[in-house]
Structures are given as structure tokens and as C-alpha cells.
Amino acid sequence: MQEILTVITYLVVWLICRKVVEIQSGLVTLIISLGAAVSVYVLFAAKGHQDKKNDDG
């Protein structure tokens, strides 16, 4: 589930950068999209780790 949300986040942010904000630089769009996707992945990993920690203790 976490990986699917990461991919969806990447695509949505990429489309927003291209169509809404109209960023023409491919590198900037890539960096922004990947940054958002990695952030979502890390947030879900941290939440999952916290939930697992609370269940154990």
C-alpha cells in the first residue's frame, strides 16, 4: 500500500507541476515529484514504525 501511494503521489505532483504550475524544466519537475514521493514514503514508514512500536509495548 505504501509503495502504491508513493507512485500515485509522484504522478499527481508531476502532473500538477506540468499542467497547473506549468514548470517547463524537466529536472525541476523530477526533483519536486521525487521529493514529494519520498516524503510520503518516509511519513508512512515512520507512522507504521510508530504503530508497530505501540502494539509491542
Protein backbone atom coordinates (compact mmCIF):
# COMPACT_ATOMS: atom_id res chain seq x y z
CA MET A 1 0.00 0.00 0.00
CA GLN A 2 2.81 2.36 0.90
CA GLU A 3 4.52 1.88 -2.47
CA ILE A 4 1.28 2.44 -4.38
CA LEU A 5 0.67 5.74 -2.58
CA THR A 6 4.25 6.76 -3.34
CA VAL A 7 3.76 6.14 -7.07
CA ILE A 8 0.41 7.94 -7.08
CA THR A 9 1.96 10.90 -5.25
CA TYR A 10 4.79 11.07 -7.79
CA LEU A 11 2.38 11.08 -10.73
CA VAL A 12 -0.03 13.60 -9.22
CA VAL A 13 2.75 16.03 -8.26
CA TRP A 14 4.36 15.62 -11.69
CA LEU A 15 1.05 16.43 -13.39
CA ILE A 16 0.48 19.42 -11.11
CA CYS A 17 3.96 20.74 -11.90
CA ARG A 18 3.45 20.30 -15.65
CA LYS A 19 -0.18 21.33 -16.14
CA VAL A 20 -1.13 23.62 -13.25
CA VAL A 21 2.11 25.37 -12.33
CA GLU A 22 3.48 24.95 -15.89
CA ILE A 23 7.07 24.24 -14.90
CA GLN A 24 8.85 23.53 -18.19
CA SER A 25 12.13 22.29 -16.74
CA GLY A 26 12.17 18.51 -16.62
CA LEU A 27 14.84 18.44 -13.93
CA VAL A 28 12.91 20.73 -11.60
CA THR A 29 9.72 18.72 -12.12
CA LEU A 30 11.61 15.49 -11.44
CA ILE A 31 13.18 16.82 -8.24
CA ILE A 32 9.89 18.17 -6.90
CA SER A 33 7.98 14.99 -7.78
CA LEU A 34 10.59 12.66 -6.34
CA GLY A 35 10.88 14.80 -3.21
CA ALA A 36 7.14 14.60 -2.63
CA ALA A 37 7.07 10.84 -3.28
CA VAL A 38 9.99 10.16 -0.94
CA SER A 39 8.39 12.35 1.72
CA VAL A 40 5.15 10.36 1.55
CA TYR A 41 7.11 7.09 1.72
CA VAL A 42 9.07 8.26 4.78
CA LEU A 43 5.96 9.57 6.55
CA PHE A 44 4.11 6.28 6.08
CA ALA A 45 7.18 4.30 7.16
CA ALA A 46 7.51 6.40 10.32
CA LYS A 47 3.80 6.02 11.07
CA GLY A 48 3.99 2.25 10.53
CA HIS A 49 7.04 2.01 12.78
CA GLN A 50 5.31 4.03 15.49
CA ASP A 51 2.16 1.87 15.25
CA LYS A 52 4.24 -1.30 15.48
CA LYS A 53 6.15 0.09 18.45
CA ASN A 54 2.89 0.96 20.25
CA ASP A 55 1.46 -2.51 19.60
CA ASP A 56 4.54 -4.22 21.07
CA GLY A 57 4.79 -2.12 24.19
